[in-house]
């Protein structure tokens, strides 16, 4: 069985979506908490910059709407590889996360070639 969508998410819930934070937020929290070395911060900044240059930020995410993003499995092999060093930081600092593969998402409010954004309410996809 092939999966259509993938998301790397942690156990912390942000106040906006009340849905588990995804990999970028988890790494930003490591920076906020002063846990990364200068070299590790630079590594994450380079990963984050690559994504900002190569992947459009969904308009609903920019507007801080109650949405969560998923990568499309069929078109995101390179992105998953680019995320591996960030996931390595989560492992190193024992920041819990799950890699979620699914075909079942809620209401898609944004879609491009690489990702979707799904509406959430009260911590649940709707």
PDB file of N, CA and C in Angstrom:
ATOM      1  N   UNK A   1       0.843  -1.176   0.000  1.00  0.00           N
ATOM      2  CA  UNK A   1       0.000   0.000   0.000  1.00  0.00           C
ATOM      3  C   UNK A   1       0.886   1.237   0.000  1.00  0.00           C
ATOM      4  N   UNK A   2       0.616   2.154  -0.887  1.00  0.00           N
ATOM      5  CA  UNK A   2       1.358   3.395  -0.922  1.00  0.00           C
ATOM      6  C   UNK A   2       0.631   4.488  -0.173  1.00  0.00           C
ATOM      7  N   UNK A   3       1.402   5.306   0.499  1.00  0.00           N
ATOM      8  CA  UNK A   3       0.812   6.424   1.236  1.00  0.00           C
ATOM      9  C   UNK A   3       0.931   7.697   0.417  1.00  0.00           C
ATOM     10  N   UNK A   4      -0.029   8.571   0.572  1.00  0.00           N
ATOM     11  CA  UNK A   4      -0.026   9.825  -0.183  1.00  0.00           C
ATOM     12  C   UNK A   4       0.616  10.976   0.579  1.00  0.00           C
ATOM     13  N   UNK A   5       0.541  10.962   1.911  1.00  0.00           N
ATOM     14  CA  UNK A   5       1.001  12.110   2.690  1.00  0.00           C
ATOM     15  C   UNK A   5       1.902  11.683   3.845  1.00  0.00           C
ATOM     16  N   UNK A   6       2.835  12.595   4.209  1.00  0.00           N
ATOM     17  CA  UNK A   6       3.767  12.326   5.292  1.00  0.00           C
ATOM     18  C   UNK A   6       3.963  13.602   6.101  1.00  0.00           C
ATOM     19  N   UNK A   7       4.108  13.418   7.407  1.00  0.00           N
ATOM     20  CA  UNK A   7       4.334  14.541   8.317  1.00  0.00           C
ATOM     21  C   UNK A   7       5.218  14.064   9.461  1.00  0.00           C
ATOM     22  N   UNK A   8       6.214  14.872   9.843  1.00  0.00           N
ATOM     23  CA  UNK A   8       7.042  14.603  11.013  1.00  0.00           C
ATOM     24  C   UNK A   8       6.560  15.572  12.089  1.00  0.00           C
ATOM     25  N   UNK A   9       6.079  15.019  13.201  1.00  0.00           N
ATOM     26  CA  UNK A   9       5.450  15.859  14.223  1.00  0.00           C
ATOM     27  C   UNK A   9       5.826  15.392  15.616  1.00  0.00           C
ATOM     28  N   UNK A  10       5.762  16.322  16.557  1.00  0.00           N
ATOM     29  CA  UNK A  10       6.113  16.014  17.941  1.00  0.00           C
ATOM     30  C   UNK A  10       4.921  16.048  18.859  1.00  0.00           C
ATOM     31  N   UNK A  11       5.186  15.840  20.137  1.00  0.00           N
ATOM     32  CA  UNK A  11       4.118  15.746  21.119  1.00  0.00           C
ATOM     33  C   UNK A  11       3.610  17.069  21.655  1.00  0.00           C
ATOM     34  N   UNK A  12       4.259  18.175  21.299  1.00  0.00           N
ATOM     35  CA  UNK A  12       3.826  19.485  21.786  1.00  0.00           C
ATOM     36  C   UNK A  12       2.764  20.053  20.857  1.00  0.00           C
ATOM     37  N   UNK A  13       1.757  20.681  21.438  1.00  0.00           N
ATOM     38  CA  UNK A  13       0.690  21.270  20.642  1.00  0.00           C
ATOM     39  C   UNK A  13       0.765  22.788  20.701  1.00  0.00           C
ATOM     40  N   UNK A  14       0.868  23.455  19.546  1.00  0.00           N
ATOM     41  CA  UNK A  14       0.858  24.916  19.561  1.00  0.00           C
ATOM     42  C   UNK A  14      -0.540  25.446  19.861  1.00  0.00           C
ATOM     43  N   UNK A  15      -0.601  26.652  20.365  1.00  0.00           N
ATOM     44  CA  UNK A  15      -1.900  27.213  20.755  1.00  0.00           C
ATOM     45  C   UNK A  15      -2.811  27.477  19.555  1.00  0.00           C
ATOM     46  N   UNK A  16      -2.255  27.740  18.374  1.00  0.00           N
ATOM     47  CA  UNK A  16      -3.091  28.076  17.224  1.00  0.00           C
ATOM     48  C   UNK A  16      -3.877  26.858  16.744  1.00  0.00           C
ATOM     49  N   UNK A  17      -3.177  25.744  16.499  1.00  0.00           N
ATOM     50  CA  UNK A  17      -3.850  24.575  15.922  1.00  0.00           C
ATOM     51  C   UNK A  17      -4.224  23.524  16.954  1.00  0.00           C
ATOM     52  N   UNK A  18      -3.550  23.527  18.087  1.00  0.00           N
ATOM     53  CA  UNK A  18      -3.729  22.485  19.098  1.00  0.00           C
ATOM     54  C   UNK A  18      -3.456  21.096  18.524  1.00  0.00           C
ATOM     55  N   UNK A  19      -2.658  21.034  17.466  1.00  0.00           N
ATOM     56  CA  UNK A  19      -2.278  19.784  16.798  1.00  0.00           C
ATOM     57  C   UNK A  19      -0.769  19.666  16.914  1.00  0.00           C
ATOM     58  N   UNK A  20      -0.218  18.477  17.029  1.00  0.00           N
ATOM     59  CA  UNK A  20       1.228  18.347  17.260  1.00  0.00           C
ATOM     60  C   UNK A  20       2.090  19.174  16.297  1.00  0.00           C
ATOM     61  N   UNK A  21       3.075  19.865  16.872  1.00  0.00           N
ATOM     62  CA  UNK A  21       4.006  20.680  16.087  1.00  0.00           C
ATOM     63  C   UNK A  21       4.756  19.808  15.094  1.00  0.00           C
ATOM     64  N   UNK A  22       5.124  20.417  13.984  1.00  0.00           N
ATOM     65  CA  UNK A  22       5.887  19.625  13.050  1.00  0.00           C
ATOM     66  C   UNK A  22       7.360  19.932  13.144  1.00  0.00           C
ATOM     67  N   UNK A  23       8.155  19.247  12.355  1.00  0.00           N
ATOM     68  CA  UNK A  23       9.609  19.196  12.515  1.00  0.00           C
ATOM     69  C   UNK A  23      10.251  20.576  12.610  1.00  0.00           C
ATOM     70  N   UNK A  24       9.820  21.536  11.807  1.00  0.00           N
ATOM     71  CA  UNK A  24      10.437  22.857  11.850  1.00  0.00           C
ATOM     72  C   UNK A  24      10.194  23.536  13.198  1.00  0.00           C
ATOM     73  N   UNK A  25       8.970  23.478  13.688  1.00  0.00           N
ATOM     74  CA  UNK A  25       8.667  24.077  14.994  1.00  0.00           C
ATOM     75  C   UNK A  25       9.443  23.399  16.109  1.00  0.00           C
ATOM     76  N   UNK A  26       9.584  22.086  16.030  1.00  0.00           N
ATOM     77  CA  UNK A  26      10.337  21.359  17.056  1.00  0.00           C
ATOM     78  C   UNK A  26      11.790  21.821  17.096  1.00  0.00           C
ATOM     79  N   UNK A  27      12.385  22.014  15.916  1.00  0.00           N
ATOM     80  CA  UNK A  27      13.777  22.480  15.861  1.00  0.00           C
ATOM     81  C   UNK A  27      13.891  23.929  16.322  1.00  0.00           C
ATOM     82  N   UNK A  28      12.931  24.779  15.951  1.00  0.00           N
ATOM     83  CA  UNK A  28      12.954  26.164  16.443  1.00  0.00           C
ATOM     84  C   UNK A  28      12.856  26.189  17.962  1.00  0.00           C
ATOM     85  N   UNK A  29      12.114  25.256  18.540  1.00  0.00           N
ATOM     86  CA  UNK A  29      12.040  25.189  20.004  1.00  0.00           C
ATOM     87  C   UNK A  29      13.385  24.822  20.613  1.00  0.00           C
ATOM     88  N   UNK A  30      14.148  23.944  19.951  1.00  0.00           N
ATOM     89  CA  UNK A  30      15.492  23.618  20.438  1.00  0.00           C
ATOM     90  C   UNK A  30      16.368  24.863  20.443  1.00  0.00           C
ATOM     91  N   UNK A  31      16.237  25.691  19.414  1.00  0.00           N
ATOM     92  CA  UNK A  31      17.002  26.940  19.341  1.00  0.00           C
ATOM     93  C   UNK A  31      16.545  27.888  20.447  1.00  0.00           C
ATOM     94  N   UNK A  32      15.234  28.068  20.571  1.00  0.00           N
ATOM     95  CA  UNK A  32      14.674  28.952  21.602  1.00  0.00           C
ATOM     96  C   UNK A  32      15.162  28.557  22.992  1.00  0.00           C
ATOM     97  N   UNK A  33      15.259  27.251  23.231  1.00  0.00           N
ATOM     98  CA  UNK A  33      15.657  26.751  24.544  1.00  0.00           C
ATOM     99  C   UNK A  33      17.167  26.736  24.744  1.00  0.00           C
ATOM    100  N   UNK A  34      17.924  27.193  23.737  1.00  0.00           N
ATOM    101  CA  UNK A  34      19.379  27.284  23.850  1.00  0.00           C
ATOM    102  C   UNK A  34      20.079  25.936  23.881  1.00  0.00           C
ATOM    103  N   UNK A  35      19.482  24.922  23.264  1.00  0.00           N
ATOM    104  CA  UNK A  35      20.054  23.581  23.343  1.00  0.00           C
ATOM    105  C   UNK A  35      21.028  23.272  22.215  1.00  0.00           C
ATOM    106  N   UNK A  36      20.955  23.980  21.094  1.00  0.00           N
ATOM    107  CA  UNK A  36      21.824  23.677  19.958  1.00  0.00           C
ATOM    108  C   UNK A  36      23.140  24.434  20.042  1.00  0.00           C
ATOM    109  N   UNK A  37      24.181  23.808  19.524  1.00  0.00           N
ATOM    110  CA  UNK A  37      25.463  24.498  19.397  1.00  0.00           C
ATOM    111  C   UNK A  37      25.357  25.499  18.250  1.00  0.00           C
ATOM    112  N   UNK A  38      26.334  26.376  18.140  1.00  0.00           N
ATOM    113  CA  UNK A  38      26.354  27.337  17.027  1.00  0.00           C
ATOM    114  C   UNK A  38      26.347  26.603  15.687  1.00  0.00           C
ATOM    115  N   UNK A  39      27.125  25.553  15.590  1.00  0.00           N
ATOM    116  CA  UNK A  39      27.201  24.783  14.341  1.00  0.00           C
ATOM    117  C   UNK A  39      25.849  24.121  14.023  1.00  0.00           C
ATOM    118  N   UNK A  40      25.197  23.593  15.033  1.00  0.00           N
ATOM    119  CA  UNK A  40      23.893  22.958  14.831  1.00  0.00           C
ATOM    120  C   UNK A  40      22.828  23.981  14.437  1.00  0.00           C
ATOM    121  N   UNK A  41      22.896  25.163  15.032  1.00  0.00           N
ATOM    122  CA  UNK A  41      21.963  26.232  14.651  1.00  0.00           C
ATOM    123  C   UNK A  41      22.155  26.600  13.192  1.00  0.00           C
ATOM    124  N   UNK A  42      23.405  26.742  12.783  1.00  0.00           N
ATOM    125  CA  UNK A  42      23.690  27.071  11.385  1.00  0.00           C
ATOM    126  C   UNK A  42      23.196  25.969  10.447  1.00  0.00           C
ATOM    127  N   UNK A  43      23.352  24.723  10.862  1.00  0.00           N
ATOM    128  CA  UNK A  43      22.847  23.599  10.070  1.00  0.00           C
ATOM    129  C   UNK A  43      21.333  23.722   9.893  1.00  0.00           C
ATOM    130  N   UNK A  44      20.620  23.952  10.993  1.00  0.00           N
ATOM    131  CA  UNK A  44      19.172  24.074  10.879  1.00  0.00           C
ATOM    132  C   UNK A  44      18.786  25.297  10.060  1.00  0.00           C
ATOM    133  N   UNK A  45      19.466  26.424  10.250  1.00  0.00           N
ATOM    134  CA  UNK A  45      19.166  27.618   9.452  1.00  0.00           C
ATOM    135  C   UNK A  45      19.318  27.327   7.967  1.00  0.00           C
ATOM    136  N   UNK A  46      20.346  26.540   7.597  1.00  0.00           N
ATOM    137  CA  UNK A  46      20.548  26.217   6.176  1.00  0.00           C
ATOM    138  C   UNK A  46      19.416  25.327   5.653  1.00  0.00           C
ATOM    139  N   UNK A  47      18.940  24.397   6.483  1.00  0.00           N
ATOM    140  CA  UNK A  47      17.809  23.541   6.089  1.00  0.00           C
ATOM    141  C   UNK A  47      16.556  24.396   5.923  1.00  0.00           C
ATOM    142  N   UNK A  48      16.283  25.230   6.897  1.00  0.00           N
ATOM    143  CA  UNK A  48      15.106  26.095   6.856  1.00  0.00           C
ATOM    144  C   UNK A  48      15.167  27.023   5.645  1.00  0.00           C
ATOM    145  N   UNK A  49      16.330  27.590   5.364  1.00  0.00           N
ATOM    146  CA  UNK A  49      16.494  28.480   4.205  1.00  0.00           C
ATOM    147  C   UNK A  49      16.247  27.737   2.897  1.00  0.00           C
ATOM    148  N   UNK A  50      16.768  26.510   2.796  1.00  0.00           N
ATOM    149  CA  UNK A  50      16.552  25.734   1.573  1.00  0.00           C
ATOM    150  C   UNK A  50      15.060  25.552   1.320  1.00  0.00           C
ATOM    151  N   UNK A  51      14.319  25.207   2.368  1.00  0.00           N
ATOM    152  CA  UNK A  51      12.880  25.008   2.212  1.00  0.00           C
ATOM    153  C   UNK A  51      12.178  26.309   1.841  1.00  0.00           C
ATOM    154  N   UNK A  52      12.581  27.420   2.429  1.00  0.00           N
ATOM    155  CA  UNK A  52      11.945  28.703   2.105  1.00  0.00           C
ATOM    156  C   UNK A  52      12.193  29.097   0.654  1.00  0.00           C
ATOM    157  N   UNK A  53      13.355  28.754   0.124  1.00  0.00           N
ATOM    158  CA  UNK A  53      13.685  29.082  -1.262  1.00  0.00           C
ATOM    159  C   UNK A  53      13.010  28.114  -2.236  1.00  0.00           C
ATOM    160  N   UNK A  54      12.963  26.845  -1.890  1.00  0.00           N
ATOM    161  CA  UNK A  54      12.538  25.814  -2.837  1.00  0.00           C
ATOM    162  C   UNK A  54      11.099  25.327  -2.683  1.00  0.00           C
ATOM    163  N   UNK A  55      10.431  25.744  -1.646  1.00  0.00           N
ATOM    164  CA  UNK A  55       9.081  25.260  -1.404  1.00  0.00           C
ATOM    165  C   UNK A  55       8.202  26.439  -1.008  1.00  0.00           C
ATOM    166  N   UNK A  56       7.116  26.667  -1.733  1.00  0.00           N
ATOM    167  CA  UNK A  56       6.263  27.797  -1.347  1.00  0.00           C
ATOM    168  C   UNK A  56       5.633  27.574   0.018  1.00  0.00           C
ATOM    169  N   UNK A  57       5.573  28.641   0.812  1.00  0.00           N
ATOM    170  CA  UNK A  57       4.878  28.537   2.095  1.00  0.00           C
ATOM    171  C   UNK A  57       3.387  28.701   1.837  1.00  0.00           C
ATOM    172  N   UNK A  58       2.585  27.737   2.233  1.00  0.00           N
ATOM    173  CA  UNK A  58       1.141  27.843   1.987  1.00  0.00           C
ATOM    174  C   UNK A  58       0.567  29.128   2.589  1.00  0.00           C
ATOM    175  N   UNK A  59      -0.253  29.801   1.813  1.00  0.00           N
ATOM    176  CA  UNK A  59      -0.870  31.048   2.272  1.00  0.00           C
ATOM    177  C   UNK A  59      -1.582  30.892   3.612  1.00  0.00           C
ATOM    178  N   UNK A  60      -2.341  29.787   3.828  1.00  0.00           N
ATOM    179  CA  UNK A  60      -2.985  29.641   5.142  1.00  0.00           C
ATOM    180  C   UNK A  60      -1.975  29.561   6.295  1.00  0.00           C
ATOM    181  N   UNK A  61      -0.786  28.991   6.038  1.00  0.00           N
ATOM    182  CA  UNK A  61       0.251  28.937   7.081  1.00  0.00           C
ATOM    183  C   UNK A  61       0.799  30.338   7.353  1.00  0.00           C
ATOM    184  N   UNK A  62       1.038  31.102   6.292  1.00  0.00           N
ATOM    185  CA  UNK A  62       1.522  32.474   6.459  1.00  0.00           C
ATOM    186  C   UNK A  62       0.545  33.299   7.284  1.00  0.00           C
ATOM    187  N   UNK A  63      -0.728  33.046   7.064  1.00  0.00           N
ATOM    188  CA  UNK A  63      -1.777  33.819   7.748  1.00  0.00           C
ATOM    189  C   UNK A  63      -2.096  33.287   9.142  1.00  0.00           C
ATOM    190  N   UNK A  64      -1.343  32.274   9.580  1.00  0.00           N
ATOM    191  CA  UNK A  64      -1.541  31.659  10.896  1.00  0.00           C
ATOM    192  C   UNK A  64      -2.956  31.118  11.085  1.00  0.00           C
ATOM    193  N   UNK A  65      -3.511  30.588   9.976  1.00  0.00           N
ATOM    194  CA  UNK A  65      -4.817  29.941  10.057  1.00  0.00           C
ATOM    195  C   UNK A  65      -4.645  28.593  10.744  1.00  0.00           C
ATOM    196  N   UNK A  66      -5.733  28.011  11.152  1.00  0.00           N
ATOM    197  CA  UNK A  66      -5.690  26.716  11.832  1.00  0.00           C
ATOM    198  C   UNK A  66      -5.549  25.605  10.794  1.00  0.00           C
ATOM    199  N   UNK A  67      -4.309  25.445  10.318  1.00  0.00           N
ATOM    200  CA  UNK A  67      -3.990  24.409   9.336  1.00  0.00           C
ATOM    201  C   UNK A  67      -2.692  23.729   9.731  1.00  0.00           C
ATOM    202  N   UNK A  68      -2.516  22.525   9.221  1.00  0.00           N
ATOM    203  CA  UNK A  68      -1.252  21.811   9.381  1.00  0.00           C
ATOM    204  C   UNK A  68      -0.803  21.316   8.011  1.00  0.00           C
ATOM    205  N   UNK A  69       0.499  21.333   7.733  1.00  0.00           N
ATOM    206  CA  UNK A  69       0.996  20.869   6.447  1.00  0.00           C
ATOM    207  C   UNK A  69       1.379  19.389   6.477  1.00  0.00           C
ATOM    208  N   UNK A  70       1.265  18.770   5.333  1.00  0.00           N
ATOM    209  CA  UNK A  70       1.761  17.421   5.072  1.00  0.00           C
ATOM    210  C   UNK A  70       2.550  17.481   3.775  1.00  0.00           C
ATOM    211  N   UNK A  71       3.619  16.707   3.678  1.00  0.00           N
ATOM    212  CA  UNK A  71       4.308  16.541   2.407  1.00  0.00           C
ATOM    213  C   UNK A  71       3.593  15.472   1.596  1.00  0.00           C
ATOM    214  N   UNK A  72       3.642  15.607   0.279  1.00  0.00           N
ATOM    215  CA  UNK A  72       3.129  14.562  -0.607  1.00  0.00           C
ATOM    216  C   UNK A  72       4.244  13.537  -0.802  1.00  0.00           C
ATOM    217  N   UNK A  73       3.963  12.299  -0.498  1.00  0.00           N
ATOM    218  CA  UNK A  73       4.988  11.248  -0.575  1.00  0.00           C
ATOM    219  C   UNK A  73       5.545  11.085  -1.984  1.00  0.00           C
ATOM    220  N   UNK A  74       4.688  11.187  -2.993  1.00  0.00           N
ATOM    221  CA  UNK A  74       5.120  10.921  -4.364  1.00  0.00           C
ATOM    222  C   UNK A  74       6.117  11.934  -4.900  1.00  0.00           C
ATOM    223  N   UNK A  75       6.142  13.129  -4.353  1.00  0.00           N
ATOM    224  CA  UNK A  75       6.993  14.170  -4.932  1.00  0.00           C
ATOM    225  C   UNK A  75       7.989  14.774  -3.950  1.00  0.00           C
ATOM    226  N   UNK A  76       8.183  14.149  -2.803  1.00  0.00           N
ATOM    227  CA  UNK A  76       9.006  14.813  -1.788  1.00  0.00           C
ATOM    228  C   UNK A  76      10.199  13.998  -1.299  1.00  0.00           C
ATOM    229  N   UNK A  77      10.670  13.083  -2.099  1.00  0.00           N
ATOM    230  CA  UNK A  77      11.832  12.282  -1.678  1.00  0.00           C
ATOM    231  C   UNK A  77      13.023  13.179  -1.335  1.00  0.00           C
ATOM    232  N   UNK A  78      13.301  14.174  -2.195  1.00  0.00           N
ATOM    233  CA  UNK A  78      14.439  15.070  -1.938  1.00  0.00           C
ATOM    234  C   UNK A  78      14.217  15.861  -0.651  1.00  0.00           C
ATOM    235  N   UNK A  79      12.987  16.303  -0.408  1.00  0.00           N
ATOM    236  CA  UNK A  79      12.713  17.063   0.813  1.00  0.00           C
ATOM    237  C   UNK A  79      12.898  16.205   2.055  1.00  0.00           C
ATOM    238  N   UNK A  80      12.476  14.961   1.986  1.00  0.00           N
ATOM    239  CA  UNK A  80      12.659  14.065   3.132  1.00  0.00           C
ATOM    240  C   UNK A  80      14.145  13.886   3.422  1.00  0.00           C
ATOM    241  N   UNK A  81      14.952  13.775   2.382  1.00  0.00           N
ATOM    242  CA  UNK A  81      16.403  13.659   2.571  1.00  0.00           C
ATOM    243  C   UNK A  81      16.979  14.937   3.183  1.00  0.00           C
ATOM    244  N   UNK A  82      16.492  16.075   2.743  1.00  0.00           N
ATOM    245  CA  UNK A  82      16.969  17.353   3.277  1.00  0.00           C
ATOM    246  C   UNK A  82      16.608  17.529   4.750  1.00  0.00           C
ATOM    247  N   UNK A  83      15.519  16.893   5.181  1.00  0.00           N
ATOM    248  CA  UNK A  83      15.086  16.993   6.578  1.00  0.00           C
ATOM    249  C   UNK A  83      15.860  16.075   7.518  1.00  0.00           C
ATOM    250  N   UNK A  84      16.569  15.098   6.991  1.00  0.00           N
ATOM    251  CA  UNK A  84      17.242  14.124   7.851  1.00  0.00           C
ATOM    252  C   UNK A  84      18.168  14.752   8.887  1.00  0.00           C
ATOM    253  N   UNK A  85      18.985  15.762   8.542  1.00  0.00           N
ATOM    254  CA  UNK A  85      19.820  16.373   9.595  1.00  0.00           C
ATOM    255  C   UNK A  85      18.993  17.041  10.697  1.00  0.00           C
ATOM    256  N   UNK A  86      17.843  17.611  10.350  1.00  0.00           N
ATOM    257  CA  UNK A  86      16.965  18.209  11.377  1.00  0.00           C
ATOM    258  C   UNK A  86      16.398  17.118  12.274  1.00  0.00           C
ATOM    259  N   UNK A  87      16.004  16.015  11.682  1.00  0.00           N
ATOM    260  CA  UNK A  87      15.508  14.882  12.474  1.00  0.00           C
ATOM    261  C   UNK A  87      16.635  14.354  13.358  1.00  0.00           C
ATOM    262  N   UNK A  88      17.859  14.374  12.849  1.00  0.00           N
ATOM    263  CA  UNK A  88      19.012  13.972  13.648  1.00  0.00           C
ATOM    264  C   UNK A  88      19.188  14.849  14.883  1.00  0.00           C
ATOM    265  N   UNK A  89      18.897  16.145  14.751  1.00  0.00           N
ATOM    266  CA  UNK A  89      18.953  17.042  15.915  1.00  0.00           C
ATOM    267  C   UNK A  89      17.890  16.663  16.940  1.00  0.00           C
ATOM    268  N   UNK A  90      16.698  16.324  16.457  1.00  0.00           N
ATOM    269  CA  UNK A  90      15.642  15.884  17.384  1.00  0.00           C
ATOM    270  C   UNK A  90      16.082  14.629  18.123  1.00  0.00           C
ATOM    271  N   UNK A  91      16.711  13.700  17.395  1.00  0.00           N
ATOM    272  CA  UNK A  91      17.205  12.472  18.034  1.00  0.00           C
ATOM    273  C   UNK A  91      18.277  12.790  19.077  1.00  0.00           C
ATOM    274  N   UNK A  92      19.247  13.616  18.672  1.00  0.00           N
ATOM    275  CA  UNK A  92      20.369  13.936  19.569  1.00  0.00           C
ATOM    276  C   UNK A  92      19.879  14.540  20.881  1.00  0.00           C
ATOM    277  N   UNK A  93      18.893  15.430  20.788  1.00  0.00           N
ATOM    278  CA  UNK A  93      18.413  16.119  21.983  1.00  0.00           C
ATOM    279  C   UNK A  93      17.156  15.476  22.565  1.00  0.00           C
ATOM    280  N   UNK A  94      16.893  14.259  22.120  1.00  0.00           N
ATOM    281  CA  UNK A  94      15.791  13.441  22.643  1.00  0.00           C
ATOM    282  C   UNK A  94      14.466  14.196  22.663  1.00  0.00           C
ATOM    283  N   UNK A  95      14.199  14.873  21.555  1.00  0.00           N
ATOM    284  CA  UNK A  95      12.928  15.581  21.371  1.00  0.00           C
ATOM    285  C   UNK A  95      11.980  14.596  20.681  1.00  0.00           C
ATOM    286  N   UNK A  96      10.970  14.090  21.373  1.00  0.00           N
ATOM    287  CA  UNK A  96      10.096  13.067  20.800  1.00  0.00           C
ATOM    288  C   UNK A  96       9.368  13.555  19.540  1.00  0.00           C
ATOM    289  N   UNK A  97       9.254  12.653  18.581  1.00  0.00           N
ATOM    290  CA  UNK A  97       8.535  12.947  17.339  1.00  0.00           C
ATOM    291  C   UNK A  97       8.008  11.649  16.753  1.00  0.00           C
ATOM    292  N   UNK A  98       7.058  11.792  15.858  1.00  0.00           N
ATOM    293  CA  UNK A  98       6.510  10.669  15.101  1.00  0.00           C
ATOM    294  C   UNK A  98       6.598  11.005  13.625  1.00  0.00           C
ATOM    295  N   UNK A  99       6.835   9.999  12.820  1.00  0.00           N
ATOM    296  CA  UNK A  99       6.735  10.143  11.372  1.00  0.00           C
ATOM    297  C   UNK A  99       5.404   9.497  10.995  1.00  0.00           C
ATOM    298  N   UNK A 100       4.500  10.322  10.503  1.00  0.00           N
ATOM    299  CA  UNK A 100       3.141   9.886  10.220  1.00  0.00           C
ATOM    300  C   UNK A 100       2.943   9.787   8.712  1.00  0.00           C
ATOM    301  N   UNK A 101       2.543   8.617   8.259  1.00  0.00           N
ATOM    302  CA  UNK A 101       2.166   8.400   6.870  1.00  0.00           C
ATOM    303  C   UNK A 101       0.673   8.122   6.844  1.00  0.00           C
ATOM    304  N   UNK A 102      -0.034   8.759   5.916  1.00  0.00           N
ATOM    305  CA  UNK A 102      -1.484   8.568   5.878  1.00  0.00           C
ATOM    306  C   UNK A 102      -2.046   8.830   4.482  1.00  0.00           C
ATOM    307  N   UNK A 103      -3.190   8.286   4.244  1.00  0.00           N
ATOM    308  CA  UNK A 103      -3.979   8.613   3.063  1.00  0.00           C
ATOM    309  C   UNK A 103      -5.220   9.397   3.458  1.00  0.00           C
ATOM    310  N   UNK A 104      -5.424   9.541   4.756  1.00  0.00           N
ATOM    311  CA  UNK A 104      -6.652  10.136   5.267  1.00  0.00           C
ATOM    312  C   UNK A 104      -6.350  11.441   5.976  1.00  0.00           C
ATOM    313  N   UNK A 105      -6.734  12.516   5.355  1.00  0.00           N
ATOM    314  CA  UNK A 105      -6.574  13.847   5.934  1.00  0.00           C
ATOM    315  C   UNK A 105      -7.934  14.522   5.903  1.00  0.00           C
ATOM    316  N   UNK A 106      -8.030  15.622   6.567  1.00  0.00           N
ATOM    317  CA  UNK A 106      -9.290  16.357   6.591  1.00  0.00           C
ATOM    318  C   UNK A 106      -9.454  17.223   5.356  1.00  0.00           C
ATOM    319  N   UNK A 107      -9.999  18.384   5.562  1.00  0.00           N
ATOM    320  CA  UNK A 107     -10.291  19.316   4.477  1.00  0.00           C
ATOM    321  C   UNK A 107      -9.003  19.975   3.997  1.00  0.00           C
ATOM    322  N   UNK A 108      -8.639  19.722   2.747  1.00  0.00           N
ATOM    323  CA  UNK A 108      -7.438  20.317   2.160  1.00  0.00           C
ATOM    324  C   UNK A 108      -7.787  21.739   1.735  1.00  0.00           C
ATOM    325  N   UNK A 109      -7.070  22.711   2.299  1.00  0.00           N
ATOM    326  CA  UNK A 109      -7.330  24.113   1.973  1.00  0.00           C
ATOM    327  C   UNK A 109      -6.218  24.723   1.125  1.00  0.00           C
ATOM    328  N   UNK A 110      -5.135  23.966   0.922  1.00  0.00           N
ATOM    329  CA  UNK A 110      -4.030  24.413   0.076  1.00  0.00           C
ATOM    330  C   UNK A 110      -3.376  23.173  -0.503  1.00  0.00           C
ATOM    331  N   UNK A 111      -2.944  23.272  -1.758  1.00  0.00           N
ATOM    332  CA  UNK A 111      -2.226  22.159  -2.377  1.00  0.00           C
ATOM    333  C   UNK A 111      -1.314  22.701  -3.458  1.00  0.00           C
ATOM    334  N   UNK A 112      -0.085  22.183  -3.491  1.00  0.00           N
ATOM    335  CA  UNK A 112       0.821  22.432  -4.599  1.00  0.00           C
ATOM    336  C   UNK A 112       1.467  21.100  -4.956  1.00  0.00           C
ATOM    337  N   UNK A 113       2.497  21.109  -5.748  1.00  0.00           N
ATOM    338  CA  UNK A 113       3.109  19.862  -6.222  1.00  0.00           C
ATOM    339  C   UNK A 113       3.769  19.057  -5.112  1.00  0.00           C
ATOM    340  N   UNK A 114       4.110  19.705  -3.979  1.00  0.00           N
ATOM    341  CA  UNK A 114       4.897  19.051  -2.940  1.00  0.00           C
ATOM    342  C   UNK A 114       4.175  18.840  -1.619  1.00  0.00           C
ATOM    343  N   UNK A 115       3.113  19.602  -1.373  1.00  0.00           N
ATOM    344  CA  UNK A 115       2.528  19.602  -0.038  1.00  0.00           C
ATOM    345  C   UNK A 115       1.046  19.960  -0.076  1.00  0.00           C
ATOM    346  N   UNK A 116       0.418  19.721   1.055  1.00  0.00           N
ATOM    347  CA  UNK A 116      -0.954  20.158   1.270  1.00  0.00           C
ATOM    348  C   UNK A 116      -1.025  20.826   2.637  1.00  0.00           C
ATOM    349  N   UNK A 117      -2.061  21.599   2.846  1.00  0.00           N
ATOM    350  CA  UNK A 117      -2.380  22.128   4.174  1.00  0.00           C
ATOM    351  C   UNK A 117      -3.818  21.712   4.463  1.00  0.00           C
ATOM    352  N   UNK A 118      -4.030  21.230   5.690  1.00  0.00           N
ATOM    353  CA  UNK A 118      -5.304  20.671   6.106  1.00  0.00           C
ATOM    354  C   UNK A 118      -5.855  21.493   7.266  1.00  0.00           C
ATOM    355  N   UNK A 119      -7.124  21.791   7.209  1.00  0.00           N
ATOM    356  CA  UNK A 119      -7.765  22.557   8.275  1.00  0.00           C
ATOM    357  C   UNK A 119      -7.881  21.710   9.539  1.00  0.00           C
ATOM    358  N   UNK A 120      -7.620  22.332  10.695  1.00  0.00           N
ATOM    359  CA  UNK A 120      -7.788  21.674  11.987  1.00  0.00           C
ATOM    360  C   UNK A 120      -8.655  22.550  12.887  1.00  0.00           C
ATOM    361  N   UNK A 121      -9.339  21.894  13.788  1.00  0.00           N
ATOM    362  CA  UNK A 121     -10.166  22.585  14.766  1.00  0.00           C
ATOM    363  C   UNK A 121     -10.149  21.782  16.045  1.00  0.00           C
ATOM    364  N   UNK A 122      -9.897  22.442  17.161  1.00  0.00           N
ATOM    365  CA  UNK A 122      -9.830  21.762  18.454  1.00  0.00           C
ATOM    366  C   UNK A 122      -8.856  20.584  18.422  1.00  0.00           C
ATOM    367  N   UNK A 123      -7.729  20.762  17.720  1.00  0.00           N
ATOM    368  CA  UNK A 123      -6.698  19.735  17.684  1.00  0.00           C
ATOM    369  C   UNK A 123      -7.006  18.540  16.800  1.00  0.00           C
ATOM    370  N   UNK A 124      -8.031  18.646  15.945  1.00  0.00           N
ATOM    371  CA  UNK A 124      -8.397  17.531  15.071  1.00  0.00           C
ATOM    372  C   UNK A 124      -8.540  18.024  13.638  1.00  0.00           C
ATOM    373  N   UNK A 125      -8.116  17.178  12.688  1.00  0.00           N
ATOM    374  CA  UNK A 125      -8.327  17.500  11.290  1.00  0.00           C
ATOM    375  C   UNK A 125      -9.820  17.448  11.003  1.00  0.00           C
ATOM    376  N   UNK A 126     -10.313  18.444  10.256  1.00  0.00           N
ATOM    377  CA  UNK A 126     -11.746  18.441   9.927  1.00  0.00           C
ATOM    378  C   UNK A 126     -11.934  18.401   8.422  1.00  0.00           C
TER     379      UNK A 126
END
